[in-house]
Protein backbone atom coordinates (compact mmCIF):
# COMPACT_ATOMS: atom_id res chain seq x y z
CA MET A 1 136.45 20.73 138.91
CA THR A 2 136.34 20.25 142.64
CA ILE A 3 138.08 22.49 145.12
CA SER A 4 139.95 20.80 147.92
CA SER A 5 139.38 21.84 151.52
CA GLU A 6 142.94 23.21 151.61
CA GLN A 7 142.25 25.50 148.62
CA ARG A 8 138.98 26.67 150.23
CA ALA A 9 140.85 27.53 153.42
CA LEU A 10 143.45 29.51 151.45
CA ARG A 11 140.75 31.43 149.57
CA SER A 12 138.88 32.26 152.77
CA LEU A 13 142.08 33.73 154.23
CA ARG A 14 142.81 35.81 151.12
CA PRO A 15 140.96 38.94 152.35
CA LEU A 16 143.09 39.04 155.51
CA PRO A 17 146.45 39.23 153.70
CA ASN A 18 144.94 41.81 151.34
CA LEU A 19 143.78 43.90 154.30
CA ILE A 20 147.17 43.63 155.98
CA PHE A 21 148.94 44.63 152.76
CA ALA A 22 146.57 47.54 152.17
CA SER A 23 147.09 48.79 155.73
CA ARG A 24 150.43 50.25 154.68
CA TRP A 25 148.44 53.16 153.20
CA LEU A 26 147.51 54.18 156.74
CA GLN A 27 151.01 55.68 156.90
CA LEU A 28 150.22 58.16 154.12
CA PRO A 29 148.55 60.72 156.44
CA LEU A 30 151.58 60.46 158.72
CA TYR A 31 153.94 61.34 155.87
CA LEU A 32 151.63 64.19 154.80
CA GLY A 33 151.77 65.48 158.39
CA LEU A 34 155.57 65.39 158.24
CA ILE A 35 155.42 67.47 155.05
CA VAL A 36 153.37 70.05 156.98
CA ALA A 37 156.00 69.96 159.76
CA GLN A 38 158.69 70.48 157.09
CA THR A 39 156.81 73.59 155.93
CA VAL A 40 156.82 74.92 159.50
CA TYR A 41 160.60 74.39 159.68
CA VAL A 42 161.07 76.29 156.41
CA TRP A 43 159.01 79.17 157.82
CA LEU A 44 161.05 79.12 161.06
CA PHE A 45 164.33 79.14 159.13
CA TRP A 46 163.38 82.19 157.05
CA GLN A 47 161.97 83.99 160.08
CA GLU A 48 165.19 83.53 162.09
CA LEU A 49 167.35 84.48 159.11
CA TYR A 50 165.21 87.60 158.60
CA PHE A 51 165.66 88.65 162.25
CA LEU A 52 169.42 88.02 162.02
CA LEU A 53 169.68 90.23 158.93
CA LEU A 54 167.62 92.99 160.56
CA ALA A 55 169.76 92.78 163.71
CA ALA A 56 172.92 93.02 161.60
CA MET A 57 171.50 96.20 160.03
CA GLY A 58 170.98 97.75 163.47
CA ASN A 59 167.31 97.04 164.19
CA SER A 60 167.08 96.93 168.00
CA GLU A 61 163.82 94.92 168.12
CA ALA A 62 165.33 92.26 165.87
CA LEU A 63 168.49 92.27 168.00
CA ASN A 64 166.41 91.69 171.14
CA HIS A 65 164.59 88.83 169.40
CA VAL A 66 167.85 87.22 168.28
CA ILE A 67 169.49 87.57 171.70
CA GLU A 68 166.38 86.21 173.43
CA ALA A 69 166.36 83.21 171.07
CA VAL A 70 169.97 82.18 171.66
CA THR A 71 170.71 83.17 175.26
CA ALA A 72 169.92 80.69 178.00
CA GLU A 73 168.21 81.75 181.22
CA GLY A 74 170.65 82.94 183.84
CA VAL A 75 173.33 84.00 181.37
CA LYS A 76 174.30 87.66 181.06
CA ARG A 77 172.65 88.87 177.88
CA PRO A 78 174.86 90.54 175.29
CA THR A 79 173.97 94.11 174.32
CA LYS A 80 175.11 93.92 170.72
CA LEU A 81 175.32 91.45 167.89
CA ASP A 82 178.66 89.82 168.58
CA GLU A 83 180.41 86.77 167.17
CA THR A 84 178.95 84.40 169.77
CA VAL A 85 175.37 85.53 169.12
CA ILE A 86 175.85 85.19 165.36
CA MET A 87 177.41 81.76 165.83
CA LEU A 88 174.49 80.60 168.00
CA VAL A 89 171.94 81.87 165.47
CA VAL A 90 173.81 80.15 162.63
CA LEU A 91 173.98 76.93 164.68
CA GLY A 92 170.22 77.22 165.14
CA LEU A 93 169.81 77.62 161.37
CA ILE A 94 172.06 74.61 160.75
CA ASP A 95 169.98 72.67 163.27
CA VAL A 96 166.79 73.52 161.36
CA VAL A 97 168.42 72.41 158.08
CA MET A 98 169.60 69.13 159.60
CA ILE A 99 166.17 68.39 161.08
CA SER A 100 164.67 69.25 157.70
CA ASN A 101 167.07 66.78 156.05
CA LEU A 102 166.01 64.18 158.60
CA LEU A 103 162.37 64.82 157.73
CA ILE A 104 163.09 64.39 154.01
CA MET A 105 164.87 61.09 154.66
CA VAL A 106 161.95 59.83 156.75
CA ILE A 107 159.29 61.05 154.32
CA VAL A 108 160.91 59.92 151.07
CA GLY A 109 162.70 56.83 152.38
CA GLY A 110 159.81 55.70 154.55
CA TYR A 111 157.24 56.14 151.81
CA GLU A 112 159.47 54.34 149.31
CA THR A 113 160.26 51.52 151.75
CA PHE A 114 156.93 50.96 153.45
CA VAL A 115 154.11 52.41 151.33
CA SER A 116 154.74 52.51 147.58
CA ARG A 117 157.50 53.01 145.04
CA LEU A 118 158.07 56.59 143.91
CA ARG A 119 159.20 55.43 140.45
CA LEU A 120 161.87 58.10 140.04
CA GLU A 121 164.33 55.96 138.06
CA GLY A 122 166.18 58.17 135.63
CA HIS A 123 164.87 61.42 137.12
CA PRO A 124 167.73 63.96 137.22
CA ASP A 125 166.86 65.07 140.78
CA GLN A 126 166.59 61.59 142.30
CA PRO A 127 168.76 61.41 145.44
CA GLU A 128 171.60 58.90 145.01
CA TRP A 129 170.71 56.99 148.18
CA LEU A 130 167.11 56.44 147.09
CA SER A 131 168.07 53.85 144.47
CA HIS A 132 169.22 51.44 147.18
CA VAL A 133 167.07 52.46 150.13
CA ASN A 134 165.82 49.81 152.51
CA ALA A 135 165.02 49.74 156.21
CA SER A 136 168.68 49.16 157.19
CA VAL A 137 170.05 51.99 155.02
CA LEU A 138 167.32 54.27 156.31
CA LYS A 139 168.18 53.46 159.94
CA VAL A 140 171.86 54.27 159.39
CA LYS A 141 171.03 57.56 157.64
CA LEU A 142 168.60 58.52 160.42
CA ALA A 143 171.13 57.64 163.13
CA THR A 144 173.79 59.75 161.41
CA ALA A 145 171.40 62.70 161.12
CA ILE A 146 170.37 62.39 164.78
CA ILE A 147 174.04 62.37 165.84
CA GLY A 148 174.62 65.56 163.83
CA ILE A 149 171.57 67.25 165.35
CA SER A 150 172.63 66.19 168.85
CA SER A 151 176.11 67.58 168.21
CA ILE A 152 174.62 70.99 167.39
CA HIS A 153 172.60 70.96 170.61
CA LEU A 154 175.67 69.85 172.60
CA LEU A 155 177.72 72.70 171.13
CA LYS A 156 175.01 75.21 172.05
CA THR A 157 174.95 73.81 175.59
CA PHE A 158 178.75 74.01 175.80
CA ILE A 159 178.70 77.66 174.73
CA ASN A 160 176.13 78.43 177.45
CA ALA A 161 177.91 76.18 180.00
CA ALA A 162 177.93 78.85 182.71
CA VAL A 163 174.19 78.32 183.20
CA TYR A 164 174.69 74.68 184.14
CA ASP A 165 177.30 75.27 186.88
């Protein structure tokens, strides 16, 4: 059996497509890094919630921490835990949750779309959107999450609007 020159050319190019296809695994360390970032956000969330609870129970150091975290430079600092301070802390917590959701979408959706299948079919905890995830669906979900996160930041800026006059 003789091999034509066309078949030889195709075989000699075979390692290149294999290398290109295998290069998708270079994204794995990036997704692992995002998981570490997710862990930092979880730590931040619990830390801020802890300080809010301590401040609500009258701890003055925790109150100072909370007020410092939510008050912009140049704004008169409140002296007690009032509704505005609580609202700003809660908005910060919501912001952390929304960024965390964004990270999950990028990690799970990106891995599933670009690296390898997760093979979660039939798993009771599989997110509904994961069954039909593709690059377009992922972009829309990410854009929606970014709009929500931006809205939280805009609301915080609006509340501290006196600083920007």
